[in-house]
Amino acid sequence: MPAKLEAGKTAFVVKNAGKEKHNFRVQGDGVDEKFLLDVKPDDSKVMHVNLKPGTYQITCPNHEDMKRTLTVE
């Protein structure tokens, strides 16, 4: 995933290539979205989010060390 994106509707495609369940959460600037169900190993899901300019935190709620900052311009 790039560190910067342009504002607007964004599709996050989350592919779990690992052996544990994962999730995907986007938080910041009025947005707090995550999958209702975890992404199972060898599965994928798509999340559509309308992003405004600002800074967002991307995390896996199941694994505290899996996080990234995303800048939207």
C-alpha atoms as a PDB file:
ATOM      1  CA  MET A   1       0.000   0.000   0.000  1.00  0.00           C
ATOM      2  CA  PRO A   2       1.395   3.428  -0.856  1.00  0.00           C
ATOM      3  CA  ALA A   3       2.033   5.980   1.898  1.00  0.00           C
ATOM      4  CA  LYS A   4      -0.025   8.624   0.026  1.00  0.00           C
ATOM      5  CA  LEU A   5      -3.322   8.546  -1.877  1.00  0.00           C
ATOM      6  CA  GLU A   6      -5.532  11.110  -3.563  1.00  0.00           C
ATOM      7  CA  ALA A   7      -8.804  12.070  -1.874  1.00  0.00           C
ATOM      8  CA  GLY A   8     -11.996  10.365  -3.009  1.00  0.00           C
ATOM      9  CA  LYS A   9     -13.561   6.927  -3.039  1.00  0.00           C
ATOM     10  CA  THR A  10     -10.878   4.319  -2.437  1.00  0.00           C
ATOM     11  CA  ALA A  11     -11.058   0.537  -2.680  1.00  0.00           C
ATOM     12  CA  PHE A  12      -8.759  -1.307  -0.294  1.00  0.00           C
ATOM     13  CA  VAL A  13      -8.227  -4.897  -1.429  1.00  0.00           C
ATOM     14  CA  VAL A  14      -7.077  -6.936   1.551  1.00  0.00           C
ATOM     15  CA  LYS A  15      -5.515 -10.328   0.771  1.00  0.00           C
ATOM     16  CA  ASN A  16      -4.551 -12.571   3.662  1.00  0.00           C
ATOM     17  CA  ALA A  17      -1.522 -14.623   2.607  1.00  0.00           C
ATOM     18  CA  GLY A  18      -0.760 -15.596   6.203  1.00  0.00           C
ATOM     19  CA  LYS A  19      -1.853 -18.431   8.453  1.00  0.00           C
ATOM     20  CA  GLU A  20      -3.798 -16.331  10.997  1.00  0.00           C
ATOM     21  CA  LYS A  21      -7.032 -14.356  10.729  1.00  0.00           C
ATOM     22  CA  HIS A  22      -6.576 -10.641  10.102  1.00  0.00           C
ATOM     23  CA  ASN A  23      -8.809  -7.612   9.933  1.00  0.00           C
ATOM     24  CA  PHE A  24      -8.415  -4.157   8.405  1.00  0.00           C
ATOM     25  CA  ARG A  25      -9.318  -0.835  10.001  1.00  0.00           C
ATOM     26  CA  VAL A  26      -9.128   2.708   8.609  1.00  0.00           C
ATOM     27  CA  GLN A  27      -9.361   5.541  11.156  1.00  0.00           C
ATOM     28  CA  GLY A  28      -9.020   9.300  10.852  1.00  0.00           C
ATOM     29  CA  ASP A  29     -10.764  12.516   9.805  1.00  0.00           C
ATOM     30  CA  GLY A  30     -14.276  11.275  10.600  1.00  0.00           C
ATOM     31  CA  VAL A  31     -13.699   7.756   9.254  1.00  0.00           C
ATOM     32  CA  ASP A  32     -13.686   4.604  11.375  1.00  0.00           C
ATOM     33  CA  GLU A  33     -14.293   1.553   9.188  1.00  0.00           C
ATOM     34  CA  LYS A  34     -13.361  -2.099   9.626  1.00  0.00           C
ATOM     35  CA  PHE A  35     -14.566  -5.465   8.361  1.00  0.00           C
ATOM     36  CA  LEU A  36     -17.369  -7.037  10.409  1.00  0.00           C
ATOM     37  CA  LEU A  37     -15.738 -10.448   9.986  1.00  0.00           C
ATOM     38  CA  ASP A  38     -12.030 -11.267   9.933  1.00  0.00           C
ATOM     39  CA  VAL A  39     -10.226 -12.075   6.693  1.00  0.00           C
ATOM     40  CA  LYS A  40      -9.384 -15.773   6.870  1.00  0.00           C
ATOM     41  CA  PRO A  41      -6.097 -17.222   5.567  1.00  0.00           C
ATOM     42  CA  ASP A  42      -6.008 -17.418   1.735  1.00  0.00           C
ATOM     43  CA  ASP A  43      -9.090 -15.172   1.538  1.00  0.00           C
ATOM     44  CA  SER A  44      -9.558 -11.562   0.434  1.00  0.00           C
ATOM     45  CA  LYS A  45     -12.070  -8.763   0.972  1.00  0.00           C
ATOM     46  CA  VAL A  46     -12.633  -5.295  -0.455  1.00  0.00           C
ATOM     47  CA  MET A  47     -13.428  -2.188   1.586  1.00  0.00           C
ATOM     48  CA  HIS A  48     -14.683   0.996  -0.095  1.00  0.00           C
ATOM     49  CA  VAL A  49     -14.026   4.205   1.838  1.00  0.00           C
ATOM     50  CA  ASN A  50     -14.508   7.846   0.843  1.00  0.00           C
ATOM     51  CA  LEU A  51     -11.306   9.523   2.039  1.00  0.00           C
ATOM     52  CA  LYS A  52     -10.970  13.262   2.617  1.00  0.00           C
ATOM     53  CA  PRO A  53      -7.571  14.978   2.743  1.00  0.00           C
ATOM     54  CA  GLY A  54      -5.826  14.214   6.027  1.00  0.00           C
ATOM     55  CA  THR A  55      -3.945  11.554   7.938  1.00  0.00           C
ATOM     56  CA  TYR A  56      -5.319   8.077   8.579  1.00  0.00           C
ATOM     57  CA  GLN A  57      -4.189   5.101  10.621  1.00  0.00           C
ATOM     58  CA  ILE A  58      -4.417   1.699   8.968  1.00  0.00           C
ATOM     59  CA  THR A  59      -4.339  -1.183  11.460  1.00  0.00           C
ATOM     60  CA  CYS A  60      -5.116  -4.843  11.962  1.00  0.00           C
ATOM     61  CA  PRO A  61      -7.199  -4.838  15.174  1.00  0.00           C
ATOM     62  CA  ASN A  62      -6.116  -8.442  15.774  1.00  0.00           C
ATOM     63  CA  HIS A  63      -2.396  -7.594  15.757  1.00  0.00           C
ATOM     64  CA  GLU A  64      -1.292  -4.340  17.444  1.00  0.00           C
ATOM     65  CA  ASP A  65       2.083  -4.280  15.682  1.00  0.00           C
ATOM     66  CA  MET A  66       0.464  -4.212  12.218  1.00  0.00           C
ATOM     67  CA  LYS A  67      -0.090  -0.520  11.539  1.00  0.00           C
ATOM     68  CA  ARG A  68       0.661   2.137   8.977  1.00  0.00           C
ATOM     69  CA  THR A  69       0.037   5.842   8.498  1.00  0.00           C
ATOM     70  CA  LEU A  70      -1.689   6.926   5.288  1.00  0.00           C
ATOM     71  CA  THR A  71      -1.672  10.510   3.996  1.00  0.00           C
ATOM     72  CA  VAL A  72      -4.535  11.585   1.725  1.00  0.00           C
ATOM     73  CA  GLU A  73      -4.101  14.727  -0.381  1.00  0.00           C
END
